[in-house]
PDB file of N, CA and C in Angstrom:
ATOM      1  N   MET A   1       1.214  -0.827  -0.126  1.00  0.00           N
ATOM      2  CA  MET A   1       0.179  -0.106   0.062  1.00  0.00           C
ATOM      3  C   MET A   1       0.847   1.579  -0.289  1.00  0.00           C
ATOM      4  N   SER A   2       0.627   1.814  -1.199  1.00  0.00           N
ATOM      5  CA  SER A   2       1.251   3.234  -1.339  1.00  0.00           C
ATOM      6  C   SER A   2       0.856   4.428  -0.565  1.00  0.00           C
ATOM      7  N   SER A   3       1.654   5.352   0.263  1.00  0.00           N
ATOM      8  CA  SER A   3       1.623   6.585   1.020  1.00  0.00           C
ATOM      9  C   SER A   3       0.809   7.153   0.981  1.00  0.00           C
ATOM     10  N   TRP A   4       0.316   7.226  -0.837  1.00  0.00           N
ATOM     11  CA  TRP A   4      -0.386   8.323  -0.767  1.00  0.00           C
ATOM     12  C   TRP A   4      -1.892   7.549  -1.502  1.00  0.00           C
ATOM     13  N   ASP A   5      -2.269   6.044  -1.565  1.00  0.00           N
ATOM     14  CA  ASP A   5      -3.382   5.767  -1.226  1.00  0.00           C
ATOM     15  C   ASP A   5      -4.933   6.256  -0.529  1.00  0.00           C
ATOM     16  N   HIS A   6      -4.601   6.542  -0.029  1.00  0.00           N
ATOM     17  CA  HIS A   6      -5.763   7.116   0.857  1.00  0.00           C
ATOM     18  C   HIS A   6      -6.051   9.311  -0.175  1.00  0.00           C
ATOM     19  N   LEU A   7      -5.564   9.339  -0.655  1.00  0.00           N
ATOM     20  CA  LEU A   7      -4.962  10.663  -1.272  1.00  0.00           C
ATOM     21  C   LEU A   7      -6.481  10.642  -2.657  1.00  0.00           C
ATOM     22  N   THR A   8      -6.579  11.790  -2.846  1.00  0.00           N
ATOM     23  CA  THR A   8      -7.525  11.839  -3.667  1.00  0.00           C
ATOM     24  C   THR A   8      -7.275  13.670  -4.561  1.00  0.00           C
ATOM     25  N   PRO A   9      -7.556  13.495  -6.330  1.00  0.00           N
ATOM     26  CA  PRO A   9      -7.131  14.954  -6.370  1.00  0.00           C
ATOM     27  C   PRO A   9      -6.990  15.990  -5.706  1.00  0.00           C
ATOM     28  N   ALA A  10      -8.543  15.598  -4.355  1.00  0.00           N
ATOM     29  CA  ALA A  10      -9.132  16.749  -3.730  1.00  0.00           C
ATOM     30  C   ALA A  10      -8.747  17.511  -3.030  1.00  0.00           C
ATOM     31  N   ASP A  11      -7.173  16.493  -2.402  1.00  0.00           N
ATOM     32  CA  ASP A  11      -6.170  16.363  -1.923  1.00  0.00           C
ATOM     33  C   ASP A  11      -5.381  16.438  -1.880  1.00  0.00           C
ATOM     34  N   CYS A  12      -4.974  16.620  -3.140  1.00  0.00           N
ATOM     35  CA  CYS A  12      -3.208  17.114  -3.962  1.00  0.00           C
ATOM     36  C   CYS A  12      -3.607  18.945  -4.003  1.00  0.00           C
ATOM     37  N   PRO A  13      -1.890  19.824  -4.013  1.00  0.00           N
ATOM     38  CA  PRO A  13      -1.917  20.693  -5.114  1.00  0.00           C
ATOM     39  C   PRO A  13      -1.624  19.940  -6.945  1.00  0.00           C
ATOM     40  N   VAL A  14      -1.686  20.923  -7.513  1.00  0.00           N
ATOM     41  CA  VAL A  14      -1.173  20.240  -9.379  1.00  0.00           C
ATOM     42  C   VAL A  14       0.158  21.026  -8.535  1.00  0.00           C
ATOM     43  N   VAL A  15       1.214  20.376  -9.545  1.00  0.00           N
ATOM     44  CA  VAL A  15       2.045  20.825  -9.250  1.00  0.00           C
ATOM     45  C   VAL A  15       3.045  21.202 -10.386  1.00  0.00           C
ATOM     46  N   ARG A  16       4.206  21.672 -11.381  1.00  0.00           N
ATOM     47  CA  ARG A  16       4.761  21.502 -12.335  1.00  0.00           C
ATOM     48  C   ARG A  16       6.079  21.062 -11.903  1.00  0.00           C
ATOM     49  N   VAL A  17       7.011  20.593 -12.547  1.00  0.00           N
ATOM     50  CA  VAL A  17       7.601  19.670 -11.963  1.00  0.00           C
ATOM     51  C   VAL A  17       8.954  20.506 -13.270  1.00  0.00           C
ATOM     52  N   ASP A  18       9.606  21.423 -13.321  1.00  0.00           N
ATOM     53  CA  ASP A  18      11.238  21.278 -14.413  1.00  0.00           C
ATOM     54  C   ASP A  18      12.284  20.222 -14.172  1.00  0.00           C
ATOM     55  N   TRP A  19      12.312  19.305 -14.930  1.00  0.00           N
ATOM     56  CA  TRP A  19      14.052  18.758 -15.032  1.00  0.00           C
ATOM     57  C   TRP A  19      14.608  18.177 -16.829  1.00  0.00           C
ATOM     58  N   VAL A  20      15.989  17.649 -16.239  1.00  0.00           N
ATOM     59  CA  VAL A  20      16.382  17.058 -17.158  1.00  0.00           C
ATOM     60  C   VAL A  20      16.790  16.139 -16.831  1.00  0.00           C
ATOM     61  N   ASP A  21      16.006  15.318 -18.427  1.00  0.00           N
ATOM     62  CA  ASP A  21      16.668  13.680 -18.483  1.00  0.00           C
ATOM     63  C   ASP A  21      17.883  13.729 -19.553  1.00  0.00           C
ATOM     64  N   ILE A  22      18.017  12.319 -19.369  1.00  0.00           N
ATOM     65  CA  ILE A  22      18.851  12.108 -19.923  1.00  0.00           C
ATOM     66  C   ILE A  22      18.860  11.714 -21.739  1.00  0.00           C
ATOM     67  N   THR A  23      19.763  11.831 -22.721  1.00  0.00           N
ATOM     68  CA  THR A  23      19.838  11.586 -23.972  1.00  0.00           C
ATOM     69  C   THR A  23      21.048  10.355 -24.224  1.00  0.00           C
ATOM     70  N   GLU A  24      20.546  10.076 -24.920  1.00  0.00           N
ATOM     71  CA  GLU A  24      21.678   8.843 -25.461  1.00  0.00           C
ATOM     72  C   GLU A  24      22.019   8.533 -27.204  1.00  0.00           C
ATOM     73  N   TYR A  25      22.920   8.568 -27.980  1.00  0.00           N
ATOM     74  CA  TYR A  25      23.151   8.530 -28.710  1.00  0.00           C
ATOM     75  C   TYR A  25      23.255   7.762 -29.611  1.00  0.00           C
ATOM     76  N   SER A  26      23.195   6.099 -30.088  1.00  0.00           N
ATOM     77  CA  SER A  26      23.794   4.927 -30.297  1.00  0.00           C
ATOM     78  C   SER A  26      24.342   5.251 -31.365  1.00  0.00           C
ATOM     79  N   GLN A  27      25.078   6.043 -32.483  1.00  0.00           N
ATOM     80  CA  GLN A  27      25.430   5.751 -33.216  1.00  0.00           C
ATOM     81  C   GLN A  27      26.742   5.802 -32.866  1.00  0.00           C
ATOM     82  N   TRP A  28      27.427   5.049 -33.963  1.00  0.00           N
ATOM     83  CA  TRP A  28      29.084   4.797 -33.830  1.00  0.00           C
ATOM     84  C   TRP A  28      29.337   5.689 -34.326  1.00  0.00           C
ATOM     85  N   ASN A  29      30.424   6.774 -33.481  1.00  0.00           N
ATOM     86  CA  ASN A  29      31.368   7.523 -34.204  1.00  0.00           C
ATOM     87  C   ASN A  29      30.499   9.236 -34.715  1.00  0.00           C
ATOM     88  N   SER A  30      29.247   8.725 -33.640  1.00  0.00           N
ATOM     89  CA  SER A  30      28.674  10.242 -34.292  1.00  0.00           C
ATOM     90  C   SER A  30      29.103  11.552 -33.611  1.00  0.00           C
ATOM     91  N   GLU A  31      29.750  12.926 -34.831  1.00  0.00           N
ATOM     92  CA  GLU A  31      29.826  13.557 -34.540  1.00  0.00           C
ATOM     93  C   GLU A  31      28.670  14.837 -34.260  1.00  0.00           C
ATOM     94  N   GLU A  32      27.759  14.271 -33.394  1.00  0.00           N
ATOM     95  CA  GLU A  32      26.405  14.727 -33.176  1.00  0.00           C
ATOM     96  C   GLU A  32      26.586  15.632 -32.093  1.00  0.00           C
ATOM     97  N   ASP A  33      26.224  16.874 -31.726  1.00  0.00           N
ATOM     98  CA  ASP A  33      26.347  17.476 -30.040  1.00  0.00           C
ATOM     99  C   ASP A  33      25.565  17.096 -29.520  1.00  0.00           C
ATOM    100  N   VAL A  34      25.523  15.713 -28.168  1.00  0.00           N
ATOM    101  CA  VAL A  34      25.689  15.747 -27.192  1.00  0.00           C
ATOM    102  C   VAL A  34      24.467  16.308 -26.669  1.00  0.00           C
ATOM    103  N   GLN A  35      23.215  16.750 -26.406  1.00  0.00           N
ATOM    104  CA  GLN A  35      22.761  17.697 -25.031  1.00  0.00           C
ATOM    105  C   GLN A  35      22.154  16.396 -24.289  1.00  0.00           C
ATOM    106  N   THR A  36      20.959  16.956 -23.243  1.00  0.00           N
ATOM    107  CA  THR A  36      20.366  16.175 -22.414  1.00  0.00           C
ATOM    108  C   THR A  36      19.534  17.280 -22.758  1.00  0.00           C
ATOM    109  N   THR A  37      17.772  16.954 -21.931  1.00  0.00           N
ATOM    110  CA  THR A  37      16.936  17.395 -22.852  1.00  0.00           C
ATOM    111  C   THR A  37      16.136  17.532 -21.584  1.00  0.00           C
ATOM    112  N   ASP A  38      14.816  19.243 -22.269  1.00  0.00           N
ATOM    113  CA  ASP A  38      14.343  20.053 -20.766  1.00  0.00           C
ATOM    114  C   ASP A  38      13.128  19.503 -21.193  1.00  0.00           C
ATOM    115  N   VAL A  39      12.414  19.083 -19.673  1.00  0.00           N
ATOM    116  CA  VAL A  39      11.186  18.462 -18.933  1.00  0.00           C
ATOM    117  C   VAL A  39      10.697  18.862 -18.670  1.00  0.00           C
ATOM    118  N   VAL A  40       8.829  19.430 -18.792  1.00  0.00           N
ATOM    119  CA  VAL A  40       8.157  19.717 -18.191  1.00  0.00           C
ATOM    120  C   VAL A  40       7.628  18.952 -18.097  1.00  0.00           C
ATOM    121  N   THR A  41       6.487  18.411 -16.234  1.00  0.00           N
ATOM    122  CA  THR A  41       5.771  17.566 -15.950  1.00  0.00           C
ATOM    123  C   THR A  41       4.682  18.071 -15.051  1.00  0.00           C
ATOM    124  N   VAL A  42       3.559  17.913 -15.246  1.00  0.00           N
ATOM    125  CA  VAL A  42       2.601  18.608 -13.845  1.00  0.00           C
ATOM    126  C   VAL A  42       1.376  17.700 -13.577  1.00  0.00           C
ATOM    127  N   GLY A  43       1.189  17.623 -12.356  1.00  0.00           N
ATOM    128  CA  GLY A  43       0.485  16.281 -11.924  1.00  0.00           C
ATOM    129  C   GLY A  43       0.402  16.709 -11.160  1.00  0.00           C
ATOM    130  N   TRP A  44      -0.823  16.055  -9.728  1.00  0.00           N
ATOM    131  CA  TRP A  44      -1.196  16.349  -8.564  1.00  0.00           C
ATOM    132  C   TRP A  44       0.410  15.629  -7.742  1.00  0.00           C
ATOM    133  N   LEU A  45       0.626  16.754  -6.877  1.00  0.00           N
ATOM    134  CA  LEU A  45       2.262  16.578  -5.920  1.00  0.00           C
ATOM    135  C   LEU A  45       0.927  14.959  -4.811  1.00  0.00           C
ATOM    136  N   LEU A  46       2.211  13.171  -5.027  1.00  0.00           N
ATOM    137  CA  LEU A  46       1.109  12.620  -3.864  1.00  0.00           C
ATOM    138  C   LEU A  46       2.171  12.866  -2.844  1.00  0.00           C
ATOM    139  N   GLU A  47       3.662  12.826  -3.313  1.00  0.00           N
ATOM    140  CA  GLU A  47       4.512  12.993  -2.431  1.00  0.00           C
ATOM    141  C   GLU A  47       6.095  14.168  -2.647  1.00  0.00           C
ATOM    142  N   ASP A  48       6.171  15.371  -1.649  1.00  0.00           N
ATOM    143  CA  ASP A  48       7.400  15.799  -1.907  1.00  0.00           C
ATOM    144  C   ASP A  48       8.116  15.094  -0.444  1.00  0.00           C
ATOM    145  N   SER A  49       9.596  14.485  -0.172  1.00  0.00           N
ATOM    146  CA  SER A  49       9.758  13.580   0.526  1.00  0.00           C
ATOM    147  C   SER A  49      11.625  13.820   0.227  1.00  0.00           C
ATOM    148  N   PRO A  50      12.797  13.958   1.502  1.00  0.00           N
ATOM    149  CA  PRO A  50      13.941  14.451   1.204  1.00  0.00           C
ATOM    150  C   PRO A  50      14.141  13.612  -0.040  1.00  0.00           C
ATOM    151  N   GLN A  51      13.607  11.916  -0.027  1.00  0.00           N
ATOM    152  CA  GLN A  51      14.398  11.021  -1.073  1.00  0.00           C
ATOM    153  C   GLN A  51      14.035  11.387  -2.435  1.00  0.00           C
ATOM    154  N   GLN A  52      12.809  12.107  -2.497  1.00  0.00           N
ATOM    155  CA  GLN A  52      11.575  12.039  -3.878  1.00  0.00           C
ATOM    156  C   GLN A  52      10.371  12.611  -3.700  1.00  0.00           C
ATOM    157  N   VAL A  53      10.828  13.396  -5.105  1.00  0.00           N
ATOM    158  CA  VAL A  53       9.053  13.665  -5.662  1.00  0.00           C
ATOM    159  C   VAL A  53       8.063  13.319  -6.394  1.00  0.00           C
ATOM    160  N   VAL A  54       7.280  13.201  -5.865  1.00  0.00           N
ATOM    161  CA  VAL A  54       6.019  11.854  -6.728  1.00  0.00           C
ATOM    162  C   VAL A  54       5.026  12.860  -7.574  1.00  0.00           C
ATOM    163  N   VAL A  55       4.972  12.288  -8.362  1.00  0.00           N
ATOM    164  CA  VAL A  55       3.368  12.916  -9.361  1.00  0.00           C
ATOM    165  C   VAL A  55       2.152  12.097 -10.029  1.00  0.00           C
ATOM    166  N   ALA A  56       1.346  12.346 -10.459  1.00  0.00           N
ATOM    167  CA  ALA A  56       0.522  11.327 -10.789  1.00  0.00           C
ATOM    168  C   ALA A  56      -0.659  12.656 -12.123  1.00  0.00           C
ATOM    169  N   GLY A  57      -0.393  12.109 -12.825  1.00  0.00           N
ATOM    170  CA  GLY A  57      -0.804  12.450 -14.355  1.00  0.00           C
ATOM    171  C   GLY A  57      -2.332  12.490 -14.312  1.00  0.00           C
ATOM    172  N   SER A  58      -3.093  10.862 -13.259  1.00  0.00           N
ATOM    173  CA  SER A  58      -4.450  10.516 -14.387  1.00  0.00           C
ATOM    174  C   SER A  58      -4.819  10.028 -12.387  1.00  0.00           C
ATOM    175  N   TYR A  59      -6.692   9.811 -12.338  1.00  0.00           N
ATOM    176  CA  TYR A  59      -6.688   9.588 -11.158  1.00  0.00           C
ATOM    177  C   TYR A  59      -8.280   8.723 -11.623  1.00  0.00           C
ATOM    178  N   SER A  60      -8.125   7.944 -11.113  1.00  0.00           N
ATOM    179  CA  SER A  60      -9.982   6.542 -11.641  1.00  0.00           C
ATOM    180  C   SER A  60     -10.766   7.630 -10.435  1.00  0.00           C
ATOM    181  N   TYR A  61     -11.733   7.636 -10.311  1.00  0.00           N
ATOM    182  CA  TYR A  61     -12.846   7.762  -9.400  1.00  0.00           C
ATOM    183  C   TYR A  61     -13.424   6.553 -10.026  1.00  0.00           C
ATOM    184  N   THR A  62     -13.797   5.992 -10.414  1.00  0.00           N
ATOM    185  CA  THR A  62     -14.163   4.315 -10.133  1.00  0.00           C
ATOM    186  C   THR A  62     -13.496   3.260 -10.154  1.00  0.00           C
ATOM    187  N   ASP A  63     -11.754   3.128  -9.862  1.00  0.00           N
ATOM    188  CA  ASP A  63     -11.153   2.453  -9.277  1.00  0.00           C
ATOM    189  C   ASP A  63     -10.893   3.097  -8.681  1.00  0.00           C
ATOM    190  N   ASP A  64     -10.965   4.359  -7.420  1.00  0.00           N
ATOM    191  CA  ASP A  64      -9.831   5.143  -6.607  1.00  0.00           C
ATOM    192  C   ASP A  64      -8.908   4.412  -6.670  1.00  0.00           C
ATOM    193  N   SER A  65      -7.904   4.931  -7.808  1.00  0.00           N
ATOM    194  CA  SER A  65      -6.687   4.301  -7.648  1.00  0.00           C
ATOM    195  C   SER A  65      -5.673   5.895  -9.041  1.00  0.00           C
ATOM    196  N   TRP A  66      -4.758   5.605  -8.763  1.00  0.00           N
ATOM    197  CA  TRP A  66      -3.820   6.899  -9.558  1.00  0.00           C
ATOM    198  C   TRP A  66      -2.759   6.660 -10.490  1.00  0.00           C
ATOM    199  N   ALA A  67      -2.225   7.016 -11.747  1.00  0.00           N
ATOM    200  CA  ALA A  67      -2.109   6.351 -12.669  1.00  0.00           C
ATOM    201  C   ALA A  67      -0.986   7.843 -13.238  1.00  0.00           C
ATOM    202  N   SER A  68      -0.062   6.873 -13.903  1.00  0.00           N
ATOM    203  CA  SER A  68       0.683   7.710 -14.963  1.00  0.00           C
ATOM    204  C   SER A  68       1.539   8.752 -13.585  1.00  0.00           C
ATOM    205  N   ILE A  69       1.588   7.660 -12.547  1.00  0.00           N
ATOM    206  CA  ILE A  69       2.731   7.907 -11.631  1.00  0.00           C
ATOM    207  C   ILE A  69       4.304   8.582 -12.099  1.00  0.00           C
ATOM    208  N   VAL A  70       4.934   9.245 -11.722  1.00  0.00           N
ATOM    209  CA  VAL A  70       6.475   9.695 -11.696  1.00  0.00           C
ATOM    210  C   VAL A  70       7.249   9.862 -10.826  1.00  0.00           C
ATOM    211  N   THR A  71       8.179   9.546  -9.942  1.00  0.00           N
ATOM    212  CA  THR A  71       8.279   9.447  -9.156  1.00  0.00           C
ATOM    213  C   THR A  71      10.409  10.175  -9.848  1.00  0.00           C
ATOM    214  N   PHE A  72      10.339  11.594  -8.902  1.00  0.00           N
ATOM    215  CA  PHE A  72      11.539  12.414  -9.537  1.00  0.00           C
ATOM    216  C   PHE A  72      12.390  11.944  -8.376  1.00  0.00           C
ATOM    217  N   PRO A  73      14.105  11.519  -8.205  1.00  0.00           N
ATOM    218  CA  PRO A  73      15.022  11.299  -6.835  1.00  0.00           C
ATOM    219  C   PRO A  73      15.301  12.397  -7.230  1.00  0.00           C
ATOM    220  N   LYS A  74      15.195  13.078  -5.888  1.00  0.00           N
ATOM    221  CA  LYS A  74      16.239  14.364  -5.425  1.00  0.00           C
ATOM    222  C   LYS A  74      17.320  13.915  -4.800  1.00  0.00           C
ATOM    223  N   THR A  75      18.360  12.820  -5.633  1.00  0.00           N
ATOM    224  CA  THR A  75      19.265  12.818  -5.479  1.00  0.00           C
ATOM    225  C   THR A  75      20.268  12.851  -6.257  1.00  0.00           C
ATOM    226  N   PRO A  76      21.240  13.517  -6.380  1.00  0.00           N
ATOM    227  CA  PRO A  76      21.866  13.583  -7.744  1.00  0.00           C
ATOM    228  C   PRO A  76      22.934  12.134  -8.330  1.00  0.00           C
ATOM    229  N   PRO A  77      22.813  12.067  -9.235  1.00  0.00           N
ATOM    230  CA  PRO A  77      23.574  10.874  -9.725  1.00  0.00           C
ATOM    231  C   PRO A  77      25.294  10.184  -9.033  1.00  0.00           C
ATOM    232  N   GLU A  78      25.601   9.546  -8.585  1.00  0.00           N
ATOM    233  CA  GLU A  78      26.426   9.402  -8.978  1.00  0.00           C
ATOM    234  C   GLU A  78      28.080   8.331  -9.622  1.00  0.00           C
ATOM    235  N   VAL A  79      28.827   9.456  -9.309  1.00  0.00           N
ATOM    236  CA  VAL A  79      29.585   8.620 -10.978  1.00  0.00           C
ATOM    237  C   VAL A  79      30.864   7.705 -10.110  1.00  0.00           C
ATOM    238  N   THR A  80      31.210   6.715 -10.272  1.00  0.00           N
ATOM    239  CA  THR A  80      32.239   6.453  -9.933  1.00  0.00           C
ATOM    240  C   THR A  80      33.154   6.244 -10.636  1.00  0.00           C
ATOM    241  N   MET A  81      34.796   6.283 -11.297  1.00  0.00           N
ATOM    242  CA  MET A  81      35.699   6.098 -11.195  1.00  0.00           C
ATOM    243  C   MET A  81      35.921   4.247 -12.038  1.00  0.00           C
ATOM    244  N   LEU A  82      35.920   3.849 -12.517  1.00  0.00           N
ATOM    245  CA  LEU A  82      36.194   2.575 -12.468  1.00  0.00           C
ATOM    246  C   LEU A  82      37.438   2.494 -13.823  1.00  0.00           C
ATOM    247  N   TRP A  83      37.859   3.033 -14.422  1.00  0.00           N
ATOM    248  CA  TRP A  83      38.922   2.762 -15.865  1.00  0.00           C
ATOM    249  C   TRP A  83      39.923   3.681 -16.055  1.00  0.00           C
ATOM    250  N   PRO A  84      40.996   4.312 -15.612  1.00  0.00           N
ATOM    251  CA  PRO A  84      42.172   4.111 -15.362  1.00  0.00           C
ATOM    252  C   PRO A  84      42.028   3.258 -13.958  1.00  0.00           C
ATOM    253  N   ALA A  85      41.978   2.789 -12.897  1.00  0.00           N
ATOM    254  CA  ALA A  85      42.330   2.820 -11.390  1.00  0.00           C
ATOM    255  C   ALA A  85      42.997   3.481 -10.705  1.00  0.00           C
ATOM    256  N   SER A  86      42.337   4.287  -9.611  1.00  0.00           N
ATOM    257  CA  SER A  86      42.685   5.089  -9.376  1.00  0.00           C
ATOM    258  C   SER A  86      43.836   4.770  -8.573  1.00  0.00           C
ATOM    259  N   SER A  87      45.123   5.326  -8.481  1.00  0.00           N
ATOM    260  CA  SER A  87      46.216   4.949  -7.777  1.00  0.00           C
ATOM    261  C   SER A  87      45.994   5.659  -5.872  1.00  0.00           C
ATOM    262  N   SER A  88      46.322   4.441  -4.786  1.00  0.00           N
ATOM    263  CA  SER A  88      46.527   5.740  -4.445  1.00  0.00           C
ATOM    264  C   SER A  88      47.631   5.335  -3.181  1.00  0.00           C
ATOM    265  N   GLY A  89      48.487   6.912  -2.908  1.00  0.00           N
ATOM    266  CA  GLY A  89      48.946   7.191  -2.954  1.00  0.00           C
ATOM    267  C   GLY A  89      51.218   7.648  -2.534  1.00  0.00           C
TER     268      GLY A  89
END
């Protein structure tokens, strides 16, 4: 059971989330300029915690359930150097 199962649209503010999505180019030796994609999501705010923001785009009054749910992590991605191995001192 989700923490927002008891919520309806009347309980939730409608919010806009501006975020940056990753972009992948799968062509070999591509000379294209690789850029991220700016995206906007609009929906009902189900959760705003230190770890994540959860927004829903649809609600069914027939089933009393949310759909089109998007979870946005608040933590930045972690980058770990794999190669070449780092040398310690």
